[in-house]
Protein backbone atom coordinates (compact mmCIF):
# COMPACT_ATOMS: atom_id res chain seq x y z
CA MET A 1 5.19 -28.31 9.01
CA SER A 2 7.09 -31.06 7.26
CA GLU A 3 10.55 -31.96 8.50
CA THR A 4 11.83 -31.59 4.94
CA ALA A 5 14.69 -29.08 4.86
CA VAL A 6 13.65 -25.59 3.77
CA SER A 7 16.06 -23.30 1.98
CA PHE A 8 15.46 -19.57 2.33
CA ALA A 9 17.56 -18.80 -0.70
CA PRO A 10 15.29 -17.89 -3.66
CA THR A 11 15.65 -20.08 -6.71
CA GLU A 12 16.90 -18.61 -9.95
CA GLN A 13 13.39 -18.81 -11.37
CA MET A 14 11.87 -17.06 -8.35
CA THR A 15 14.40 -14.25 -8.62
CA MET A 16 13.63 -13.86 -12.31
CA VAL A 17 9.87 -13.84 -11.70
CA GLN A 18 10.26 -11.31 -8.89
CA GLN A 19 12.31 -8.95 -11.07
CA MET A 20 9.84 -9.26 -13.93
CA ALA A 21 6.92 -8.41 -11.61
CA ARG A 22 8.84 -5.51 -10.05
CA ASP A 23 9.81 -4.04 -13.41
CA PHE A 24 6.25 -4.34 -14.68
CA ALA A 25 4.79 -2.70 -11.58
CA GLU A 26 7.21 0.22 -11.76
CA LYS A 27 6.84 0.79 -15.49
CA GLU A 28 3.23 -0.08 -16.24
CA ILE A 29 1.36 0.48 -12.98
CA ARG A 30 3.03 3.21 -10.90
CA PRO A 31 2.44 6.07 -13.38
CA HIS A 32 -1.30 5.41 -13.35
CA VAL A 33 -2.05 4.49 -9.73
CA MET A 34 -3.76 7.70 -8.65
CA LYS A 35 -5.64 8.16 -11.92
CA TYR A 36 -7.42 4.87 -11.44
CA ASP A 37 -7.87 5.44 -7.70
CA GLU A 38 -9.52 8.83 -8.23
CA SER A 39 -11.78 7.65 -11.05
CA GLN A 40 -12.52 4.23 -9.48
CA GLU A 41 -11.97 2.86 -12.97
CA PHE A 42 -10.91 -0.75 -13.40
CA PRO A 43 -7.47 -0.79 -15.15
CA LYS A 44 -8.35 -3.04 -18.09
CA GLU A 45 -5.22 -2.14 -20.05
CA ILE A 46 -2.98 -3.14 -17.15
CA PHE A 47 -4.76 -6.47 -16.74
CA THR A 48 -4.41 -7.14 -20.47
CA LYS A 49 -0.65 -6.62 -20.17
CA MET A 50 -0.44 -8.77 -17.03
CA ALA A 51 -2.25 -11.55 -18.87
CA GLU A 52 0.48 -11.50 -21.52
CA LEU A 53 3.03 -12.15 -18.77
CA GLY A 54 1.04 -15.05 -17.35
CA PHE A 55 -0.02 -13.20 -14.20
CA LEU A 56 -3.68 -14.24 -14.59
CA GLY A 57 -2.90 -17.94 -14.64
CA ILE A 58 0.13 -18.08 -12.38
CA THR A 59 -0.08 -21.53 -10.79
CA PHE A 60 -2.16 -23.39 -13.36
CA PRO A 61 -0.78 -25.98 -15.81
CA GLU A 62 0.30 -24.95 -19.27
CA GLU A 63 -2.28 -27.32 -20.77
CA TYR A 64 -4.92 -24.81 -19.65
CA GLY A 65 -2.90 -21.79 -20.72
CA GLY A 66 -1.42 -21.19 -17.29
CA ALA A 67 2.14 -20.22 -16.41
CA GLY A 68 2.75 -23.40 -14.41
CA LEU A 69 4.48 -21.58 -11.53
CA SER A 70 4.44 -22.47 -7.84
CA ALA A 71 2.48 -20.94 -4.96
CA LEU A 72 5.76 -19.39 -3.81
CA GLU A 73 6.20 -17.59 -7.11
CA ALA A 74 2.57 -16.49 -7.03
CA ALA A 75 3.18 -14.94 -3.61
CA VAL A 76 6.22 -13.09 -4.94
CA ILE A 77 4.30 -11.71 -7.93
CA ILE A 78 1.41 -10.46 -5.78
CA GLU A 79 3.82 -8.94 -3.26
CA GLU A 80 5.71 -6.99 -5.93
CA ILE A 81 2.53 -5.63 -7.52
CA ALA A 82 1.15 -4.65 -4.10
CA ARG A 83 4.32 -2.66 -3.35
CA VAL A 84 3.12 -0.27 -6.04
CA ASP A 85 -0.67 -0.70 -6.13
CA PRO A 86 -2.59 -2.94 -3.73
CA SER A 87 -5.78 -2.47 -5.78
CA THR A 88 -4.27 -4.14 -8.83
CA ALA A 89 -2.70 -6.85 -6.68
CA LEU A 90 -6.11 -7.57 -5.16
CA GLY A 91 -7.53 -8.24 -8.63
CA VAL A 92 -4.67 -10.61 -9.44
CA ALA A 93 -5.13 -12.42 -6.13
CA ALA A 94 -8.90 -12.78 -6.50
CA HIS A 95 -8.81 -13.92 -10.12
CA ASN A 96 -6.13 -16.54 -9.50
CA GLY A 97 -6.91 -17.64 -5.98
CA LEU A 98 -10.69 -17.71 -5.88
CA CYS A 99 -12.66 -18.28 -9.10
CA THR A 100 -9.95 -19.91 -11.22
CA ASN A 101 -8.55 -21.97 -8.37
CA HIS A 102 -12.00 -23.20 -7.34
CA ILE A 103 -12.65 -24.52 -10.85
CA PHE A 104 -9.17 -26.02 -11.15
CA SER A 105 -9.31 -27.69 -7.74
CA PHE A 106 -12.81 -29.16 -7.80
CA ALA A 107 -14.41 -29.12 -11.27
CA ASN A 108 -14.39 -32.13 -13.57
CA ASP A 109 -12.14 -32.31 -16.63
CA GLU A 110 -14.88 -31.17 -18.98
CA LEU A 111 -15.51 -27.96 -17.04
CA LYS A 112 -11.79 -27.32 -16.65
CA LYS A 113 -11.24 -27.60 -20.39
CA LYS A 114 -14.22 -25.34 -21.06
CA TYR A 115 -13.45 -22.52 -18.63
CA LEU A 116 -9.81 -22.51 -17.54
CA PRO A 117 -8.13 -21.54 -20.85
CA ASP A 118 -10.06 -18.24 -21.08
CA LEU A 119 -9.44 -17.50 -17.39
CA CYS A 120 -5.73 -18.37 -17.42
CA SER A 121 -5.13 -16.34 -20.58
CA GLY A 122 -7.02 -13.34 -19.20
CA LYS A 123 -9.51 -13.44 -22.06
CA LYS A 124 -12.13 -13.55 -19.32
CA LEU A 125 -11.89 -12.37 -15.72
CA GLY A 126 -13.29 -14.46 -12.90
CA GLY A 127 -15.38 -13.64 -9.85
CA TRP A 128 -16.25 -15.67 -6.76
CA GLY A 129 -19.59 -15.34 -5.04
CA LEU A 130 -19.73 -16.36 -1.37
CA THR A 131 -20.54 -13.23 0.66
CA GLU A 132 -24.12 -11.97 0.82
CA PRO A 133 -25.82 -8.93 2.39
CA PHE A 134 -26.85 -11.08 5.39
CA SER A 135 -23.96 -13.56 5.53
CA GLY A 136 -20.31 -12.57 5.73
CA SER A 137 -18.21 -14.43 8.26
CA ASP A 138 -21.26 -16.62 8.91
CA ALA A 139 -21.56 -18.40 5.56
CA GLY A 140 -24.17 -20.65 7.17
CA GLY A 141 -26.58 -17.71 6.95
CA MET A 142 -26.52 -17.87 3.16
CA ARG A 143 -29.88 -17.13 1.51
CA THR A 144 -29.09 -17.62 -2.19
CA VAL A 145 -30.73 -20.89 -3.22
CA ALA A 146 -30.41 -23.26 -6.18
CA VAL A 147 -33.26 -25.67 -6.99
CA LYS A 148 -32.89 -28.63 -9.36
CA GLU A 149 -35.45 -28.70 -12.17
CA GLY A 150 -34.80 -31.49 -14.66
CA ASN A 151 -31.40 -30.94 -16.26
CA GLU A 152 -31.10 -27.42 -14.89
CA TRP A 153 -30.45 -25.58 -11.65
CA VAL A 154 -32.49 -22.44 -10.96
CA ILE A 155 -30.65 -19.86 -8.83
CA ASN A 156 -32.29 -17.04 -6.87
CA GLY A 157 -30.64 -14.60 -4.50
CA SER A 158 -27.83 -12.07 -4.39
CA LYS A 159 -24.15 -11.74 -3.59
CA ASN A 160 -22.32 -8.79 -2.10
CA PHE A 161 -18.79 -7.30 -2.23
CA ILE A 162 -17.85 -9.37 -5.29
CA THR A 163 -14.45 -8.55 -6.80
CA HIS A 164 -14.75 -8.20 -10.60
CA GLY A 165 -18.53 -8.05 -10.21
CA SER A 166 -19.07 -5.85 -13.28
CA VAL A 167 -15.94 -6.67 -15.32
CA GLY A 168 -15.87 -10.42 -14.72
CA GLU A 169 -17.50 -12.87 -17.11
CA THR A 170 -17.11 -16.24 -15.38
CA PHE A 171 -18.29 -16.65 -11.79
CA VAL A 172 -18.22 -19.40 -9.21
CA VAL A 173 -21.39 -18.95 -7.16
CA LEU A 174 -22.19 -20.68 -3.86
CA ALA A 175 -25.87 -21.43 -3.18
CA VAL A 176 -27.97 -23.43 -0.74
CA THR A 177 -29.20 -26.67 -2.33
CA ASP A 178 -30.67 -28.28 0.78
CA LYS A 179 -32.93 -26.02 2.86
CA THR A 180 -33.65 -28.58 5.57
CA LYS A 181 -32.02 -28.46 8.99
CA ASN A 182 -29.04 -30.21 7.37
CA LYS A 183 -28.63 -27.16 5.15
CA SER A 184 -25.98 -27.78 2.52
CA ILE A 185 -24.27 -25.53 -0.01
CA SER A 186 -23.14 -26.29 -3.56
CA ALA A 187 -20.91 -24.44 -6.04
CA PHE A 188 -21.84 -23.57 -9.63
CA ILE A 189 -20.24 -21.89 -12.63
CA VAL A 190 -22.41 -19.04 -13.90
CA GLU A 191 -21.53 -16.95 -16.96
CA LYS A 192 -22.25 -13.27 -17.44
CA GLY A 193 -25.01 -12.58 -19.96
CA ILE A 194 -27.33 -15.42 -18.97
CA LEU A 195 -31.00 -14.45 -18.52
CA GLY A 196 -31.79 -13.25 -15.00
CA PHE A 197 -28.16 -12.64 -13.98
CA SER A 198 -27.45 -8.95 -13.45
CA VAL A 199 -24.95 -6.69 -11.75
CA GLY A 200 -26.22 -4.54 -8.91
CA ARG A 201 -24.64 -1.63 -7.10
CA LYS A 202 -20.98 -0.78 -7.56
CA GLU A 203 -19.52 0.04 -4.15
CA ASN A 204 -18.00 3.47 -3.43
CA LYS A 205 -15.10 2.38 -1.24
CA LEU A 206 -12.63 3.88 1.20
CA GLY A 207 -9.70 2.12 -0.46
CA MET A 208 -8.87 -0.42 -3.16
CA ARG A 209 -10.92 1.90 -5.33
CA SER A 210 -9.84 0.66 -8.76
CA SER A 211 -10.65 -2.92 -7.76
CA ASP A 212 -14.10 -3.57 -9.20
CA THR A 213 -16.52 -4.43 -6.37
CA CYS A 214 -20.24 -4.97 -7.03
CA SER A 215 -23.26 -6.93 -5.95
CA LEU A 216 -24.66 -9.72 -8.13
CA ILE A 217 -28.36 -10.51 -8.54
CA PHE A 218 -29.84 -13.86 -9.56
CA ASP A 219 -33.49 -13.83 -10.62
CA ASN A 220 -34.54 -17.31 -11.75
CA VAL A 221 -31.15 -17.86 -13.39
CA ARG A 222 -31.18 -21.21 -15.18
CA ILE A 223 -27.90 -23.03 -15.71
CA SER A 224 -27.09 -26.50 -16.96
CA ALA A 225 -26.87 -29.24 -14.35
CA ASP A 226 -23.39 -29.85 -15.77
CA ASN A 227 -22.23 -26.55 -14.26
CA LEU A 228 -22.31 -27.98 -10.75
CA ILE A 229 -18.73 -28.08 -9.41
CA GLY A 230 -18.00 -31.43 -7.80
CA ASN A 231 -20.92 -33.06 -6.02
CA GLU A 232 -24.06 -31.50 -4.62
CA GLY A 233 -23.57 -30.35 -1.03
CA GLU A 234 -19.78 -30.07 -1.26
CA GLY A 235 -19.62 -26.36 -1.97
CA PHE A 236 -18.91 -25.13 1.54
CA LYS A 237 -16.07 -27.61 2.07
CA GLN A 238 -14.65 -26.57 -1.30
CA ALA A 239 -14.89 -22.90 -0.31
CA LEU A 240 -12.92 -23.48 2.89
CA VAL A 241 -10.06 -25.02 0.89
CA VAL A 242 -10.18 -22.18 -1.64
CA LEU A 243 -10.10 -19.62 1.18
CA ASP A 244 -6.98 -21.24 2.66
CA GLY A 245 -5.11 -20.61 -0.58
CA GLY A 246 -6.64 -17.16 -0.91
CA ARG A 247 -5.34 -16.24 2.53
CA ILE A 248 -1.78 -16.83 1.37
CA SER A 249 -2.45 -14.39 -1.47
CA ILE A 250 -3.83 -11.76 0.90
CA GLY A 251 -0.84 -12.34 3.16
CA ALA A 252 1.48 -11.70 0.23
CA LEU A 253 -0.51 -8.60 -0.71
CA SER A 254 -0.19 -7.38 2.87
CA VAL A 255 3.58 -7.85 2.81
CA GLY A 256 3.80 -5.95 -0.46
CA LEU A 257 1.73 -3.04 0.82
CA ALA A 258 3.78 -2.87 4.01
CA GLN A 259 7.02 -2.95 2.02
CA GLY A 260 5.76 -0.15 -0.20
CA ALA A 261 4.94 1.91 2.89
CA LEU A 262 8.40 1.24 4.33
CA ASP A 263 10.14 2.10 1.05
CA ALA A 264 8.27 5.41 0.87
CA SER A 265 9.04 6.15 4.52
CA ILE A 266 12.78 5.57 4.13
CA LYS A 267 12.88 7.76 1.03
CA TYR A 268 10.95 10.56 2.72
CA ALA A 269 12.93 10.36 5.98
CA LYS A 270 16.20 10.83 4.08
CA GLU A 271 14.86 13.79 2.09
CA ARG A 272 12.93 15.64 4.79
CA HIS A 273 14.96 18.05 6.96
CA GLN A 274 13.91 19.50 10.31
CA PHE A 275 15.98 21.34 12.91
CA GLY A 276 18.90 21.44 10.50
CA LYS A 277 19.18 17.74 9.70
CA SER A 278 17.50 14.84 7.96
CA ILE A 279 14.68 13.37 10.05
CA SER A 280 16.25 9.96 9.38
CA GLU A 281 18.86 10.96 11.95
CA PHE A 282 16.26 11.20 14.72
CA GLN A 283 16.03 8.13 16.92
CA GLY A 284 12.23 8.29 17.01
CA ILE A 285 12.09 7.86 13.21
CA GLN A 286 14.82 5.22 13.23
CA PHE A 287 12.90 3.10 15.75
CA LYS A 288 9.75 3.27 13.64
CA ILE A 289 11.63 2.15 10.55
CA ALA A 290 13.42 -0.61 12.43
CA ASP A 291 10.16 -2.00 13.82
CA MET A 292 8.46 -1.82 10.42
CA ALA A 293 11.31 -3.65 8.69
CA MET A 294 11.47 -6.38 11.33
CA GLU A 295 7.73 -7.06 11.30
CA ILE A 296 7.59 -7.06 7.49
CA GLU A 297 10.35 -9.62 7.26
CA ALA A 298 8.62 -11.82 9.84
CA ALA A 299 5.35 -11.56 7.90
CA ARG A 300 7.12 -12.38 4.64
CA LEU A 301 8.60 -15.52 6.18
CA LEU A 302 5.19 -16.67 7.44
CA VAL A 303 3.64 -16.11 4.02
CA ARG A 304 6.42 -17.91 2.19
CA LYS A 305 6.31 -20.79 4.65
CA ALA A 306 2.60 -21.22 3.94
CA ALA A 307 3.20 -20.94 0.19
CA TRP A 308 6.00 -23.50 0.41
CA MET A 309 3.70 -25.88 2.26
CA LYS A 310 1.00 -25.40 -0.38
CA THR A 311 3.53 -26.08 -3.14
CA ASN A 312 4.48 -29.31 -1.37
CA GLY A 313 0.88 -30.44 -0.92
CA GLU A 314 0.75 -30.03 2.85
CA ASP A 315 -2.24 -29.02 5.00
CA ILE A 316 -2.12 -25.21 5.06
CA ASN A 317 -5.18 -24.42 7.18
CA LEU A 318 -3.15 -23.26 10.20
CA ALA A 319 -0.20 -21.79 8.29
CA ALA A 320 -2.42 -19.78 5.93
CA ALA A 321 -4.47 -18.34 8.80
CA GLN A 322 -1.32 -17.37 10.71
CA ALA A 323 0.24 -15.78 7.64
CA LYS A 324 -2.86 -13.85 6.67
CA TYR A 325 -3.63 -12.66 10.20
CA PHE A 326 -0.10 -11.56 11.07
CA ALA A 327 0.73 -10.02 7.68
CA SER A 328 -2.50 -8.01 7.47
CA GLU A 329 -2.04 -6.62 10.97
CA VAL A 330 1.62 -5.82 10.23
CA ALA A 331 0.55 -3.99 7.06
CA THR A 332 -1.97 -1.98 9.06
CA ARG A 333 0.72 -0.90 11.53
CA ALA A 334 3.19 -0.16 8.73
CA ALA A 335 0.73 2.03 6.84
CA ASN A 336 -0.10 3.92 10.03
CA GLU A 337 3.55 4.52 10.90
CA ALA A 338 4.29 5.57 7.32
CA VAL A 339 1.69 8.33 7.52
CA GLN A 340 3.11 9.41 10.90
CA ILE A 341 6.65 9.57 9.50
CA HIS A 342 5.41 11.72 6.63
CA GLY A 343 3.58 14.03 9.02
CA GLY A 344 1.18 16.38 7.24
CA TYR A 345 2.41 15.17 3.85
CA GLY A 346 1.19 11.68 4.75
CA PHE A 347 -2.33 13.04 4.73
CA ILE A 348 -2.33 14.30 1.16
CA LYS A 349 -2.55 12.43 -2.13
CA ASP A 350 0.78 13.68 -3.48
CA PHE A 351 2.52 10.97 -1.47
CA PRO A 352 1.82 7.22 -1.81
CA VAL A 353 1.36 6.46 1.89
CA GLU A 354 -2.06 8.15 1.94
CA LYS A 355 -3.36 5.48 -0.43
CA PHE A 356 -1.64 2.64 1.42
CA TYR A 357 -3.38 3.87 4.59
CA ARG A 358 -6.79 3.68 2.89
CA ASP A 359 -6.16 0.41 1.06
CA VAL A 360 -4.78 -1.52 4.01
CA LYS A 361 -7.95 -1.80 6.07
CA LEU A 362 -9.53 -4.28 3.68
CA LEU A 363 -6.74 -6.75 4.39
CA THR A 364 -7.88 -7.38 7.97
CA ILE A 365 -11.42 -8.01 6.68
CA GLY A 366 -11.36 -9.78 3.30
CA GLU A 367 -10.75 -13.55 3.01
CA GLY A 368 -11.81 -13.86 6.64
CA THR A 369 -11.45 -11.18 9.29
CA SER A 370 -8.59 -11.13 11.78
CA GLU A 371 -11.04 -12.44 14.36
CA VAL A 372 -11.93 -15.40 12.13
CA GLN A 373 -8.24 -16.15 11.61
CA LYS A 374 -7.72 -16.28 15.37
CA ILE A 375 -10.59 -18.75 15.65
CA VAL A 376 -9.04 -20.94 12.94
CA ILE A 377 -5.63 -20.79 14.63
CA ALA A 378 -7.05 -21.62 18.07
CA ARG A 379 -9.08 -24.54 16.76
CA ASN A 380 -6.00 -26.02 15.12
CA LEU A 381 -4.03 -25.73 18.33
CA LEU A 382 -6.75 -27.03 20.64
CA LYS A 383 -8.16 -29.90 18.61
């Protein structure tokens, strides 16, 4: 990390952004959380309202319709939304951090001007296609291919577990463009509605159920050669950079979920009485709450350190992996303890910790598993 002095005091703008996100989450999201979870319906109305606040173009310049905020403020927004509904926060994180950020970071000016305004304004939602049925952590096993034919690329293959798969309209798709032993991957922008591009199965998930997750199918999909992002063969390197930023977002989401679980646990512990007194007076409960609070604060600091480094243009590969790994594991422990504190009531849908418990597991898997994060951390330390 840079030797530049870091202040832990939030700026006036960060405080304002945090309060705006918190107020929105409480007023516009909380009343509808379980309705969308039960129906597995994507909350279009909520995303429309978030777009009006700039939440779908958080860190992108105003010239593209973005809010022009920092990575730190993006982390705060995602954390506050996740305190109430991790599913909605996941959509915000994926739209900003994956598809939109990939185009902003690596596309030429012409593609940026064509696609970013609709994405930043929320007129169109974005999806990012890396994972496939046979390649998850091992992106080198990718089977989707793109073949150059004149002024077009022809894409064949499929993608799996794609956030906004059925509701998204603009996708960044990774495909193999060199099938020799030097196998290389390139990135392309593909729009919904083009011939041969279809949506496959919608996943019936344990958690994050209102976050739209589908497979994508490419059957001789022809796109303009101009829709190549950057240079041919650079897609995998681009994806690694995009994932670094995405891991900060998932870290922030993890902190938010954990904080929501802690908030619910404190409230319940004060209200629930056993043996003639509030269970918050029992040392066993107090120790759980103390451990949760301490770990959440440590995770928050790791996430904000990584976000601060990203804002200042520093290499975030190590910091993002540490933040994502630690925060997602902390969130998992917090959700588990929250259910334990609630006892039997933690197992029913009348209390929010049941949903936190289901939602949290994705956070140790998506954007690189905990095991992958440990590999990234170790490589940084041992190189």
